[in-house]
Amino acid sequence: KLLSIVANVRGAQDASEHSEIQYLGYPFSISENFQMRN
C-alpha cells in the first residue's frame, strides 16, 4: 500500500485526490516546541 505524509489540510486534500494512495500520514508532536518547528 502507499502512504504519503501531509502536514496540513491542503496537503491532505491534494493527496486524497489520488486513488492509488491508501494512507495519509500526519506528524503530530506531543512536544509543543517540536510541533512549532515541524
Full PDB file with SEQRES, HELIX, SHEET, SSBOND, CRYST1, ORIGX, SCALE, CONECT and MASTER records, all heavy atoms in Angstrom:
SEQRES   1 A   38  LYS LEU LEU SER ILE VAL ALA ASN VAL ARG GLY ALA GLN          
SEQRES   2 A   38  ASP ALA SER GLU HIS SER GLU ILE GLN TYR LEU GLY TYR          
SEQRES   3 A   38  PRO PHE SER ILE SER GLU ASN PHE GLN MET ARG ASN              
HELIX    1 AA1 VAL A    9  SER A   16  1                                   8    
HELIX    2 AA2 GLU A   32  ARG A   37  1                                   6    
SHEET    1 AA1 2 LEU A   3  ILE A   5  0                                        
SHEET    2 AA1 2 TYR A  23  GLY A  25  1                                        
CRYST1    1.000    1.000    1.000  90.00  90.00  90.00 P 1           1          
ORIGX1      1.000000  0.000000  0.000000        0.00000                         
ORIGX2      0.000000  1.000000  0.000000        0.00000                         
ORIGX3      0.000000  0.000000  1.000000        0.00000                         
SCALE1      1.000000  0.000000  0.000000        0.00000                         
SCALE2      0.000000  1.000000  0.000000        0.00000                         
SCALE3      0.000000  0.000000  1.000000        0.00000                         
ATOM      1  N   LYS A   1       0.846  -1.184   0.000  1.00  0.00           N  
ATOM      2  CA  LYS A   1       0.000   0.000   0.000  1.00  0.00           C  
ATOM      3  C   LYS A   1       0.889   1.245   0.000  1.00  0.00           C  
ATOM      4  O   LYS A   1       2.059   1.170   0.364  1.00  0.00           O  
ATOM      5  CB  LYS A   1      -0.929  -0.013   1.218  1.00  0.00           C  
ATOM      6  CG  LYS A   1      -1.882  -1.209   1.192  1.00  0.00           C  
ATOM      7  CD  LYS A   1      -2.718  -1.338   2.440  1.00  0.00           C  
ATOM      8  CE  LYS A   1      -2.040  -2.051   3.582  1.00  0.00           C  
ATOM      9  NZ  LYS A   1      -1.755  -3.472   3.325  1.00  0.00           N  
ATOM     10  N   LEU A   2       0.342   2.368  -0.430  1.00  0.00           N  
ATOM     11  CA  LEU A   2       1.123   3.607  -0.494  1.00  0.00           C  
ATOM     12  C   LEU A   2       0.691   4.580   0.593  1.00  0.00           C  
ATOM     13  O   LEU A   2      -0.503   4.768   0.847  1.00  0.00           O  
ATOM     14  CB  LEU A   2       0.964   4.278  -1.860  1.00  0.00           C  
ATOM     15  CG  LEU A   2       1.570   3.532  -3.060  1.00  0.00           C  
ATOM     16  CD1 LEU A   2       1.338   4.330  -4.334  1.00  0.00           C  
ATOM     17  CD2 LEU A   2       3.060   3.268  -2.862  1.00  0.00           C  
ATOM     18  N   LEU A   3       1.682   5.199   1.219  1.00  0.00           N  
ATOM     19  CA  LEU A   3       1.441   6.207   2.251  1.00  0.00           C  
ATOM     20  C   LEU A   3       2.127   7.505   1.843  1.00  0.00           C  
ATOM     21  O   LEU A   3       3.269   7.484   1.371  1.00  0.00           O  
ATOM     22  CB  LEU A   3       1.999   5.720   3.601  1.00  0.00           C  
ATOM     23  CG  LEU A   3       1.849   6.643   4.817  1.00  0.00           C  
ATOM     24  CD1 LEU A   3       1.726   5.802   6.099  1.00  0.00           C  
ATOM     25  CD2 LEU A   3       3.003   7.619   4.982  1.00  0.00           C  
ATOM     26  N   SER A   4       1.423   8.600   2.011  1.00  0.00           N  
ATOM     27  CA  SER A   4       2.015   9.913   1.766  1.00  0.00           C  
ATOM     28  C   SER A   4       1.892  10.759   3.030  1.00  0.00           C  
ATOM     29  O   SER A   4       0.843  10.756   3.687  1.00  0.00           O  
ATOM     30  CB  SER A   4       1.286  10.608   0.612  1.00  0.00           C  
ATOM     31  OG  SER A   4       1.695  11.957   0.537  1.00  0.00           O  
ATOM     32  N   ILE A   5       2.949  11.474   3.352  1.00  0.00           N  
ATOM     33  CA  ILE A   5       2.914  12.380   4.502  1.00  0.00           C  
ATOM     34  C   ILE A   5       2.214  13.675   4.096  1.00  0.00           C  
ATOM     35  O   ILE A   5       2.427  14.194   2.990  1.00  0.00           O  
ATOM     36  CB  ILE A   5       4.353  12.685   4.989  1.00  0.00           C  
ATOM     37  CG1 ILE A   5       5.011  11.417   5.520  1.00  0.00           C  
ATOM     38  CG2 ILE A   5       4.350  13.791   6.049  1.00  0.00           C  
ATOM     39  CD1 ILE A   5       4.439  10.864   6.802  1.00  0.00           C  
ATOM     40  N   VAL A   6       1.390  14.193   4.986  1.00  0.00           N  
ATOM     41  CA  VAL A   6       0.772  15.512   4.794  1.00  0.00           C  
ATOM     42  C   VAL A   6       0.969  16.306   6.088  1.00  0.00           C  
ATOM     43  O   VAL A   6       1.018  15.733   7.162  1.00  0.00           O  
ATOM     44  CB  VAL A   6      -0.733  15.409   4.450  1.00  0.00           C  
ATOM     45  CG1 VAL A   6      -0.931  14.632   3.149  1.00  0.00           C  
ATOM     46  CG2 VAL A   6      -1.530  14.753   5.574  1.00  0.00           C  
ATOM     47  N   ALA A   7       1.125  17.621   5.936  1.00  0.00           N  
ATOM     48  CA  ALA A   7       1.386  18.444   7.125  1.00  0.00           C  
ATOM     49  C   ALA A   7       0.259  19.416   7.418  1.00  0.00           C  
ATOM     50  O   ALA A   7       0.256  20.087   8.446  1.00  0.00           O  
ATOM     51  CB  ALA A   7       2.697  19.219   6.950  1.00  0.00           C  
ATOM     52  N   ASN A   8      -0.713  19.491   6.492  1.00  0.00           N  
ATOM     53  CA  ASN A   8      -1.831  20.418   6.699  1.00  0.00           C  
ATOM     54  C   ASN A   8      -3.037  19.945   5.876  1.00  0.00           C  
ATOM     55  O   ASN A   8      -2.969  18.937   5.167  1.00  0.00           O  
ATOM     56  CB  ASN A   8      -1.430  21.860   6.341  1.00  0.00           C  
ATOM     57  CG  ASN A   8      -0.849  21.957   4.931  1.00  0.00           C  
ATOM     58  OD1 ASN A   8      -1.250  21.216   4.032  1.00  0.00           O  
ATOM     59  ND2 ASN A   8       0.108  22.856   4.736  1.00  0.00           N  
ATOM     60  N   VAL A   9      -4.108  20.710   5.983  1.00  0.00           N  
ATOM     61  CA  VAL A   9      -5.366  20.326   5.324  1.00  0.00           C  
ATOM     62  C   VAL A   9      -5.209  20.334   3.806  1.00  0.00           C  
ATOM     63  O   VAL A   9      -5.681  19.426   3.116  1.00  0.00           O  
ATOM     64  CB  VAL A   9      -6.506  21.271   5.770  1.00  0.00           C  
ATOM     65  CG1 VAL A   9      -7.763  21.037   4.946  1.00  0.00           C  
ATOM     66  CG2 VAL A   9      -6.805  21.064   7.253  1.00  0.00           C  
ATOM     67  N   ARG A  10      -4.505  21.340   3.291  1.00  0.00           N  
ATOM     68  CA  ARG A  10      -4.343  21.413   1.835  1.00  0.00           C  
ATOM     69  C   ARG A  10      -3.597  20.176   1.312  1.00  0.00           C  
ATOM     70  O   ARG A  10      -3.962  19.597   0.293  1.00  0.00           O  
ATOM     71  CB  ARG A  10      -3.587  22.684   1.458  1.00  0.00           C  
ATOM     72  CG  ARG A  10      -3.475  22.840  -0.041  1.00  0.00           C  
ATOM     73  CD  ARG A  10      -2.716  24.063  -0.460  1.00  0.00           C  
ATOM     74  NE  ARG A  10      -2.382  23.967  -1.868  1.00  0.00           N  
ATOM     75  CZ  ARG A  10      -1.654  24.858  -2.513  1.00  0.00           C  
ATOM     76  NH1 ARG A  10      -1.181  25.900  -1.894  1.00  0.00           N  
ATOM     77  NH2 ARG A  10      -1.385  24.715  -3.790  1.00  0.00           N  
ATOM     78  N   GLY A  11      -2.541  19.782   2.018  1.00  0.00           N  
ATOM     79  CA  GLY A  11      -1.790  18.590   1.626  1.00  0.00           C  
ATOM     80  C   GLY A  11      -2.672  17.352   1.642  1.00  0.00           C  
ATOM     81  O   GLY A  11      -2.591  16.502   0.745  1.00  0.00           O  
ATOM     82  N   ALA A  12      -3.525  17.256   2.658  1.00  0.00           N  
ATOM     83  CA  ALA A  12      -4.442  16.107   2.767  1.00  0.00           C  
ATOM     84  C   ALA A  12      -5.438  16.105   1.605  1.00  0.00           C  
ATOM     85  O   ALA A  12      -5.752  15.044   1.043  1.00  0.00           O  
ATOM     86  CB  ALA A  12      -5.171  16.141   4.099  1.00  0.00           C  
ATOM     87  N   GLN A  13      -5.916  17.282   1.240  1.00  0.00           N  
ATOM     88  CA  GLN A  13      -6.855  17.377   0.108  1.00  0.00           C  
ATOM     89  C   GLN A  13      -6.173  16.949  -1.191  1.00  0.00           C  
ATOM     90  O   GLN A  13      -6.738  16.204  -1.989  1.00  0.00           O  
ATOM     91  CB  GLN A  13      -7.398  18.808  -0.005  1.00  0.00           C  
ATOM     92  CG  GLN A  13      -8.383  19.145   1.104  1.00  0.00           C  
ATOM     93  CD  GLN A  13      -8.673  20.637   1.200  1.00  0.00           C  
ATOM     94  OE1 GLN A  13      -7.867  21.476   0.777  1.00  0.00           O  
ATOM     95  NE2 GLN A  13      -9.818  20.983   1.786  1.00  0.00           N  
ATOM     96  N   ASP A  14      -4.931  17.433  -1.377  1.00  0.00           N  
ATOM     97  CA  ASP A  14      -4.185  17.072  -2.596  1.00  0.00           C  
ATOM     98  C   ASP A  14      -3.946  15.559  -2.659  1.00  0.00           C  
ATOM     99  O   ASP A  14      -4.160  14.932  -3.689  1.00  0.00           O  
ATOM    100  CB  ASP A  14      -2.827  17.803  -2.637  1.00  0.00           C  
ATOM    101  CG  ASP A  14      -2.983  19.305  -2.880  1.00  0.00           C  
ATOM    102  OD1 ASP A  14      -4.083  19.733  -3.270  1.00  0.00           O  
ATOM    103  OD2 ASP A  14      -1.998  20.039  -2.661  1.00  0.00           O  
ATOM    104  N   ALA A  15      -3.498  14.991  -1.543  1.00  0.00           N  
ATOM    105  CA  ALA A  15      -3.200  13.551  -1.516  1.00  0.00           C  
ATOM    106  C   ALA A  15      -4.458  12.720  -1.703  1.00  0.00           C  
ATOM    107  O   ALA A  15      -4.429  11.667  -2.357  1.00  0.00           O  
ATOM    108  CB  ALA A  15      -2.510  13.187  -0.200  1.00  0.00           C  
ATOM    109  N   SER A  16      -5.563  13.201  -1.149  1.00  0.00           N  
ATOM    110  CA  SER A  16      -6.801  12.411  -1.185  1.00  0.00           C  
ATOM    111  C   SER A  16      -7.386  12.318  -2.592  1.00  0.00           C  
ATOM    112  O   SER A  16      -8.240  11.475  -2.869  1.00  0.00           O  
ATOM    113  CB  SER A  16      -7.845  13.003  -0.227  1.00  0.00           C  
ATOM    114  OG  SER A  16      -8.328  14.223  -0.735  1.00  0.00           O  
ATOM    115  N   GLU A  17      -6.910  13.169  -3.498  1.00  0.00           N  
ATOM    116  CA  GLU A  17      -7.390  13.114  -4.890  1.00  0.00           C  
ATOM    117  C   GLU A  17      -6.777  11.941  -5.662  1.00  0.00           C  
ATOM    118  O   GLU A  17      -7.195  11.638  -6.767  1.00  0.00           O  
ATOM    119  CB  GLU A  17      -7.071  14.432  -5.603  1.00  0.00           C  
ATOM    120  CG  GLU A  17      -7.967  15.574  -5.120  1.00  0.00           C  
ATOM    121  CD  GLU A  17      -7.506  16.927  -5.648  1.00  0.00           C  
ATOM    122  OE1 GLU A  17      -6.639  16.951  -6.546  1.00  0.00           O  
ATOM    123  OE2 GLU A  17      -8.015  17.944  -5.161  1.00  0.00           O  
ATOM    124  N   HIS A  18      -5.761  11.307  -5.070  1.00  0.00           N  
ATOM    125  CA  HIS A  18      -5.079  10.201  -5.754  1.00  0.00           C  
ATOM    126  C   HIS A  18      -5.585   8.865  -5.199  1.00  0.00           C  
ATOM    127  O   HIS A  18      -5.316   8.520  -4.053  1.00  0.00           O  
ATOM    128  CB  HIS A  18      -3.568  10.311  -5.566  1.00  0.00           C  
ATOM    129  CG  HIS A  18      -2.986  11.563  -6.156  1.00  0.00           C  
ATOM    130  ND1 HIS A  18      -2.609  11.655  -7.485  1.00  0.00           N  
ATOM    131  CD2 HIS A  18      -2.749  12.777  -5.607  1.00  0.00           C  
ATOM    132  CE1 HIS A  18      -2.144  12.868  -7.713  1.00  0.00           C  
ATOM    133  NE2 HIS A  18      -2.226  13.568  -6.597  1.00  0.00           N  
ATOM    134  N   SER A  19      -6.295   8.141  -6.036  1.00  0.00           N  
ATOM    135  CA  SER A  19      -6.906   6.883  -5.577  1.00  0.00           C  
ATOM    136  C   SER A  19      -5.854   5.828  -5.210  1.00  0.00           C  
ATOM    137  O   SER A  19      -6.115   4.904  -4.456  1.00  0.00           O  
ATOM    138  CB  SER A  19      -7.836   6.325  -6.649  1.00  0.00           C  
ATOM    139  OG  SER A  19      -7.101   6.083  -7.838  1.00  0.00           O  
ATOM    140  N   GLU A  20      -4.635   5.986  -5.756  1.00  0.00           N  
ATOM    141  CA  GLU A  20      -3.589   4.977  -5.504  1.00  0.00           C  
ATOM    142  C   GLU A  20      -3.060   5.034  -4.071  1.00  0.00           C  
ATOM    143  O   GLU A  20      -2.420   4.094  -3.606  1.00  0.00           O  
ATOM    144  CB  GLU A  20      -2.396   5.185  -6.463  1.00  0.00           C  
ATOM    145  CG  GLU A  20      -2.770   5.220  -7.920  1.00  0.00           C  
ATOM    146  CD  GLU A  20      -3.040   6.639  -8.426  1.00  0.00           C  
ATOM    147  OE1 GLU A  20      -3.408   7.520  -7.621  1.00  0.00           O  
ATOM    148  OE2 GLU A  20      -2.900   6.854  -9.640  1.00  0.00           O  
ATOM    149  N   ILE A  21      -3.291   6.161  -3.404  1.00  0.00           N  
ATOM    150  CA  ILE A  21      -2.769   6.324  -2.037  1.00  0.00           C  
ATOM    151  C   ILE A  21      -3.793   5.789  -1.038  1.00  0.00           C  
ATOM    152  O   ILE A  21      -4.958   6.172  -1.060  1.00  0.00           O  
ATOM    153  CB  ILE A  21      -2.476   7.820  -1.741  1.00  0.00           C  
ATOM    154  CG1 ILE A  21      -1.353   8.328  -2.656  1.00  0.00           C  
ATOM    155  CG2 ILE A  21      -2.107   8.040  -0.279  1.00  0.00           C  
ATOM    156  CD1 ILE A  21      -1.114   9.824  -2.577  1.00  0.00           C  
ATOM    157  N   GLN A  22      -3.335   4.891  -0.165  1.00  0.00           N  
ATOM    158  CA  GLN A  22      -4.245   4.331   0.853  1.00  0.00           C  
ATOM    159  C   GLN A  22      -4.145   5.057   2.194  1.00  0.00           C  
ATOM    160  O   GLN A  22      -5.105   5.108   2.943  1.00  0.00           O  
ATOM    161  CB  GLN A  22      -3.938   2.843   1.092  1.00  0.00           C  
ATOM    162  CG  GLN A  22      -4.467   1.919   0.024  1.00  0.00           C  
ATOM    163  CD  GLN A  22      -3.460   1.714  -1.104  1.00  0.00           C  
ATOM    164  OE1 GLN A  22      -2.402   2.336  -1.130  1.00  0.00           O  
ATOM    165  NE2 GLN A  22      -3.796   0.860  -2.039  1.00  0.00           N  
ATOM    166  N   TYR A  23      -2.944   5.575   2.504  1.00  0.00           N  
ATOM    167  CA  TYR A  23      -2.727   6.168   3.831  1.00  0.00           C  
ATOM    168  C   TYR A  23      -2.220   7.593   3.733  1.00  0.00           C  
ATOM    169  O   TYR A  23      -1.332   7.907   2.928  1.00  0.00           O  
ATOM    170  CB  TYR A  23      -1.671   5.366   4.610  1.00  0.00           C  
ATOM    171  CG  TYR A  23      -2.053   3.958   4.941  1.00  0.00           C  
ATOM    172  CD1 TYR A  23      -1.406   2.888   4.332  1.00  0.00           C  
ATOM    173  CD2 TYR A  23      -3.050   3.674   5.885  1.00  0.00           C  
ATOM    174  CE1 TYR A  23      -1.739   1.572   4.637  1.00  0.00           C  
ATOM    175  CE2 TYR A  23      -3.386   2.368   6.198  1.00  0.00           C  
ATOM    176  CZ  TYR A  23      -2.739   1.325   5.571  1.00  0.00           C  
ATOM    177  OH  TYR A  23      -3.066   0.029   5.880  1.00  0.00           O  
ATOM    178  N   LEU A  24      -2.777   8.452   4.596  1.00  0.00           N  
ATOM    179  CA  LEU A  24      -2.231   9.793   4.812  1.00  0.00           C  
ATOM    180  C   LEU A  24      -1.511   9.761   6.161  1.00  0.00           C  
ATOM    181  O   LEU A  24      -2.090   9.340   7.163  1.00  0.00           O  
ATOM    182  CB  LEU A  24      -3.348  10.849   4.863  1.00  0.00           C  
ATOM    183  CG  LEU A  24      -4.353  10.858   3.700  1.00  0.00           C  
ATOM    184  CD1 LEU A  24      -5.393  11.964   3.913  1.00  0.00           C  
ATOM    185  CD2 LEU A  24      -3.642  11.044   2.368  1.00  0.00           C  
ATOM    186  N   GLY A  25      -0.262  10.156   6.179  1.00  0.00           N  
ATOM    187  CA  GLY A  25       0.498  10.174   7.431  1.00  0.00           C  
ATOM    188  C   GLY A  25       0.608  11.598   7.953  1.00  0.00           C  
ATOM    189  O   GLY A  25       0.992  12.506   7.201  1.00  0.00           O  
ATOM    190  N   TYR A  26       0.245  11.794   9.220  1.00  0.00           N  
ATOM    191  CA  TYR A  26       0.312  13.151   9.792  1.00  0.00           C  
ATOM    192  C   TYR A  26       1.228  13.164  11.016  1.00  0.00           C  
ATOM    193  O   TYR A  26       0.997  12.414  11.978  1.00  0.00           O  
ATOM    194  CB  TYR A  26      -1.087  13.636  10.191  1.00  0.00           C  
ATOM    195  CG  TYR A  26      -1.069  15.030  10.792  1.00  0.00           C  
ATOM    196  CD1 TYR A  26      -0.749  16.139  10.005  1.00  0.00           C  
ATOM    197  CD2 TYR A  26      -1.348  15.238  12.147  1.00  0.00           C  
ATOM    198  CE1 TYR A  26      -0.717  17.419  10.552  1.00  0.00           C  
ATOM    199  CE2 TYR A  26      -1.320  16.518  12.698  1.00  0.00           C  
ATOM    200  CZ  TYR A  26      -1.005  17.605  11.893  1.00  0.00           C  
ATOM    201  OH  TYR A  26      -0.969  18.864  12.437  1.00  0.00           O  
ATOM    202  N   PRO A  27       2.280  13.996  11.002  1.00  0.00           N  
ATOM    203  CA  PRO A  27       3.176  14.084  12.162  1.00  0.00           C  
ATOM    204  C   PRO A  27       2.572  14.957  13.261  1.00  0.00           C  
ATOM    205  O   PRO A  27       2.439  16.175  13.088  1.00  0.00           O  
ATOM    206  CB  PRO A  27       4.451  14.721  11.578  1.00  0.00           C  
ATOM    207  CG  PRO A  27       4.013  15.441  10.343  1.00  0.00           C  
ATOM    208  CD  PRO A  27       2.729  14.828   9.877  1.00  0.00           C  
ATOM    209  N   PHE A  28       2.180  14.331  14.342  1.00  0.00           N  
ATOM    210  CA  PHE A  28       1.548  15.049  15.458  1.00  0.00           C  
ATOM    211  C   PHE A  28       2.499  14.987  16.653  1.00  0.00           C  
ATOM    212  O   PHE A  28       2.731  13.922  17.215  1.00  0.00           O  
ATOM    213  CB  PHE A  28       0.213  14.389  15.806  1.00  0.00           C  
ATOM    214  CG  PHE A  28      -0.495  15.036  16.954  1.00  0.00           C  
ATOM    215  CD1 PHE A  28      -1.302  16.137  16.752  1.00  0.00           C  
ATOM    216  CD2 PHE A  28      -0.333  14.562  18.251  1.00  0.00           C  
ATOM    217  CE1 PHE A  28      -1.943  16.752  17.816  1.00  0.00           C  
ATOM    218  CE2 PHE A  28      -0.968  15.165  19.316  1.00  0.00           C  
ATOM    219  CZ  PHE A  28      -1.775  16.270  19.097  1.00  0.00           C  
ATOM    220  N   SER A  29       3.049  16.124  17.018  1.00  0.00           N  
ATOM    221  CA  SER A  29       4.028  16.098  18.102  1.00  0.00           C  
ATOM    222  C   SER A  29       3.380  16.418  19.436  1.00  0.00           C  
ATOM    223  O   SER A  29       2.560  17.324  19.544  1.00  0.00           O  
ATOM    224  CB  SER A  29       5.149  17.100  17.846  1.00  0.00           C  
ATOM    225  OG  SER A  29       6.088  17.019  18.895  1.00  0.00           O  
ATOM    226  N   ILE A  30       3.770  15.651  20.452  1.00  0.00           N  
ATOM    227  CA  ILE A  30       3.284  15.958  21.799  1.00  0.00           C  
ATOM    228  C   ILE A  30       4.293  16.852  22.530  1.00  0.00           C  
ATOM    229  O   ILE A  30       4.166  17.093  23.713  1.00  0.00           O  
ATOM    230  CB  ILE A  30       2.968  14.684  22.609  1.00  0.00           C  
ATOM    231  CG1 ILE A  30       4.189  13.766  22.704  1.00  0.00           C  
ATOM    232  CG2 ILE A  30       1.807  13.934  21.960  1.00  0.00           C  
ATOM    233  CD1 ILE A  30       3.979  12.572  23.619  1.00  0.00           C  
ATOM    234  N   SER A  31       5.274  17.354  21.759  1.00  0.00           N  
ATOM    235  CA  SER A  31       6.187  18.392  22.260  1.00  0.00           C  
ATOM    236  C   SER A  31       5.820  19.686  21.551  1.00  0.00           C  
ATOM    237  O   SER A  31       5.897  19.775  20.328  1.00  0.00           O  
ATOM    238  CB  SER A  31       7.635  18.008  21.943  1.00  0.00           C  
ATOM    239  OG  SER A  31       8.451  19.152  21.804  1.00  0.00           O  
ATOM    240  N   GLU A  32       5.383  20.667  22.314  1.00  0.00           N  
ATOM    241  CA  GLU A  32       4.969  21.961  21.730  1.00  0.00           C  
ATOM    242  C   GLU A  32       6.102  22.569  20.904  1.00  0.00           C  
ATOM    243  O   GLU A  32       5.898  23.065  19.798  1.00  0.00           O  
ATOM    244  CB  GLU A  32       4.571  22.930  22.854  1.00  0.00           C  
ATOM    245  CG  GLU A  32       3.888  24.196  22.362  1.00  0.00           C  
ATOM    246  CD  GLU A  32       2.372  24.045  22.250  1.00  0.00           C  
ATOM    247  OE1 GLU A  32       1.710  23.807  23.271  1.00  0.00           O  
ATOM    248  OE2 GLU A  32       1.866  24.188  21.135  1.00  0.00           O  
ATOM    249  N   ASN A  33       7.307  22.503  21.437  1.00  0.00           N  
ATOM    250  CA  ASN A  33       8.458  23.069  20.729  1.00  0.00           C  
ATOM    251  C   ASN A  33       8.650  22.423  19.365  1.00  0.00           C  
ATOM    252  O   ASN A  33       8.857  23.102  18.358  1.00  0.00           O  
ATOM    253  CB  ASN A  33       9.745  22.854  21.556  1.00  0.00           C  
ATOM    254  CG  ASN A  33      10.017  24.016  22.480  1.00  0.00           C  
ATOM    255  OD1 ASN A  33      10.226  25.139  22.041  1.00  0.00           O  
ATOM    256  ND2 ASN A  33      10.023  23.743  23.774  1.00  0.00           N  
ATOM    257  N   PHE A  34       8.589  21.080  19.347  1.00  0.00           N  
ATOM    258  CA  PHE A  34       8.836  20.383  18.088  1.00  0.00           C  
ATOM    259  C   PHE A  34       7.687  20.599  17.110  1.00  0.00           C  
ATOM    260  O   PHE A  34       7.909  20.713  15.906  1.00  0.00           O  
ATOM    261  CB  PHE A  34       9.059  18.889  18.328  1.00  0.00           C  
ATOM    262  CG  PHE A  34       9.571  18.181  17.102  1.00  0.00           C  
ATOM    263  CD1 PHE A  34      10.887  18.335  16.697  1.00  0.00           C  
ATOM    264  CD2 PHE A  34       8.735  17.382  16.335  1.00  0.00           C  
ATOM    265  CE1 PHE A  34      11.361  17.705  15.551  1.00  0.00           C  
ATOM    266  CE2 PHE A  34       9.199  16.751  15.198  1.00  0.00           C  
ATOM    267  CZ  PHE A  34      10.517  16.909  14.803  1.00  0.00           C  
ATOM    268  N   GLN A  35       6.457  20.663  17.618  1.00  0.00           N  
ATOM    269  CA  GLN A  35       5.313  20.898  16.724  1.00  0.00           C  
ATOM    270  C   GLN A  35       5.473  22.237  16.011  1.00  0.00           C  
ATOM    271  O   GLN A  35       5.225  22.356  14.810  1.00  0.00           O  
ATOM    272  CB  GLN A  35       4.000  20.872  17.517  1.00  0.00           C  
ATOM    273  CG  GLN A  35       2.760  20.855  16.636  1.00  0.00           C  
ATOM    274  CD  GLN A  35       2.589  19.533  15.892  1.00  0.00           C  
ATOM    275  OE1 GLN A  35       2.453  18.482  16.471  1.00  0.00           O  
ATOM    276  NE2 GLN A  35       2.604  19.595  14.571  1.00  0.00           N  
ATOM    277  N   MET A  36       5.918  23.250  16.757  1.00  0.00           N  
ATOM    278  CA  MET A  36       6.130  24.573  16.154  1.00  0.00           C  
ATOM    279  C   MET A  36       7.246  24.514  15.105  1.00  0.00           C  
ATOM    280  O   MET A  36       7.128  25.083  14.027  1.00  0.00           O  
ATOM    281  CB  MET A  36       6.491  25.599  17.238  1.00  0.00           C  
ATOM    282  CG  MET A  36       5.334  25.974  18.151  1.00  0.00           C  
ATOM    283  SD  MET A  36       3.959  26.797  17.285  1.00  0.00           S  
ATOM    284  CE  MET A  36       4.698  28.382  16.904  1.00  0.00           C  
ATOM    285  N   ARG A  37       8.326  23.811  15.416  1.00  0.00           N  
ATOM    286  CA  ARG A  37       9.442  23.705  14.474  1.00  0.00           C  
ATOM    287  C   ARG A  37       9.036  22.934  13.225  1.00  0.00           C  
ATOM    288  O   ARG A  37       9.462  23.252  12.112  1.00  0.00           O  
ATOM    289  CB  ARG A  37      10.616  22.949  15.131  1.00  0.00           C  
ATOM    290  CG  ARG A  37      11.402  23.773  16.120  1.00  0.00           C  
ATOM    291  CD  ARG A  37      12.327  22.851  16.931  1.00  0.00           C  
ATOM    292  NE  ARG A  37      13.031  23.598  17.941  1.00  0.00           N  
ATOM    293  CZ  ARG A  37      14.350  23.732  17.999  1.00  0.00           C  
ATOM    294  NH1 ARG A  37      15.107  23.178  17.082  1.00  0.00           N  
ATOM    295  NH2 ARG A  37      14.927  24.427  18.949  1.00  0.00           N  
ATOM    296  N   ASN A  38       8.235  21.902  13.420  1.00  0.00           N  
ATOM    297  CA  ASN A  38       7.920  20.984  12.332  1.00  0.00           C  
ATOM    298  C   ASN A  38       6.807  21.500  11.436  1.00  0.00           C  
ATOM    299  O   ASN A  38       6.887  21.407  10.218  1.00  0.00           O  
ATOM    300  CB  ASN A  38       7.526  19.623  12.929  1.00  0.00           C  
ATOM    301  CG  ASN A  38       7.919  18.467  12.026  1.00  0.00           C  
ATOM    302  OD1 ASN A  38       8.833  18.584  11.221  1.00  0.00           O  
ATOM    303  ND2 ASN A  38       7.217  17.365  12.140  1.00  0.00           N  
TER     304      ASN A  38                                                      
MASTER        0    0    0    2    2    0    0    6  303    1    0    3          
END                                                                             
